[in-house]
Amino acid sequence: MIVGDAIREYLSSVQRKRDARTVSGYRQRLGVFAAWCEAEGVTLERFSKKGAYRIIDDFVEHLSSTHPGKHGLALSSTTVRGYIICIKMFLKWCLDSSDEFEECINPIALRRVEVPAIEGKIVETFSDEHIRGMLAACELSSTDYLRARNRAIVQVFLGTGIRLKELCTLTVSGVILDPEDAHIKVFGKRRKWREVPLDEETRKALGRYMRKWRSGAQDSATVFLNDEKLLPLTRSGVEQLVEKLGRIAHARGVRCSPHTFRHTYATRFMAAGGNPYHLQKFMGHESFATTEKYLKTLPPRDIRAALRRVK
């Protein structure tokens, strides 16, 4: 049985349950794995052996030697982990969900496929100077519309910590600008809705943009549009915008990306005396362990003090 054939069946089964970007990631990683299996003569039946887990070890060795990471450096532990998780999910699907392929997979060998831990890595957050510089860069945009939109985007990221996809899918009906209860409703991971409060600066920036440029829009319309005001702003469009604002602001020593805003929101929230369990809820995390990963830039003393405030 050719591994690539089984992978195609797997991708067909999951594309109805995952968003397009996630499936694209699966397809890329499993495509590399399928090509290696074909080149090495590895069939799906090889995974019925007790030592089948060593096949994954051989693939990782091949991956590390032929697929350099950014700037020619070794692949990061995060990238390697992503490949192994994808492969293990595929093999588990073969075992549990496919009558055609289940007999090719040895469950004991599958359990022995180890998912490596991610190396400890602190994500640098935006400083106050970075934020001031990016907000000033927004004012250099070519039109009144872009100035208002870009400033609102920066403030929403900074003031809510929402994910990139959540910002791009935010709808007009999901923006509540009542000064007594300002918040947004976002559709997050695992198809769950949540409400995130707006601070005063974010409420004002978003309100100015909404009143002038989204007044009269249907409730289901997306809040942020592209430069021509014709189509919803895409994720790549937002990523390019944040990178551009960072360059104009000369924001060095930090990655200028929407996800960096998410880390910045978390650390600013806690540094201001926020409740860590409220932070977990606002960020849409299933467990507090995930939230803690966003707090590595805070001094341990500050984290302990925050935890004491809720005990």
Foldseek 3Di string as FASTA:
>chain_A
DQQVVLLVVVLVVCPVPDDPVVSVLLCVLVVLVSVVCVVVVNHLLCQLDLQSLVVLVVSLVVCQVPPDDPPRHTDFLVVSLSSLVSVLVSLVCLCPPDPVRNNSHHVNSSVVNDRDDGPDDAADADDPLLLVLLLVLLVVDDDPLSSLQSNLVSQCLQFQLEDLVFLLQFFQLQFDLPVVFGWGWTQDPPRDIAITHGDPVNSVSLVVNCVPPVPPPDRRHRSDPDPVNPHGQDSVNQQVSQQVSSVSSVPPPHDRGSNSSSLNNLQVCLVVLHALVVVCRSHVHPDSVVSVSSHPVPDPVSVVVNPVVVD
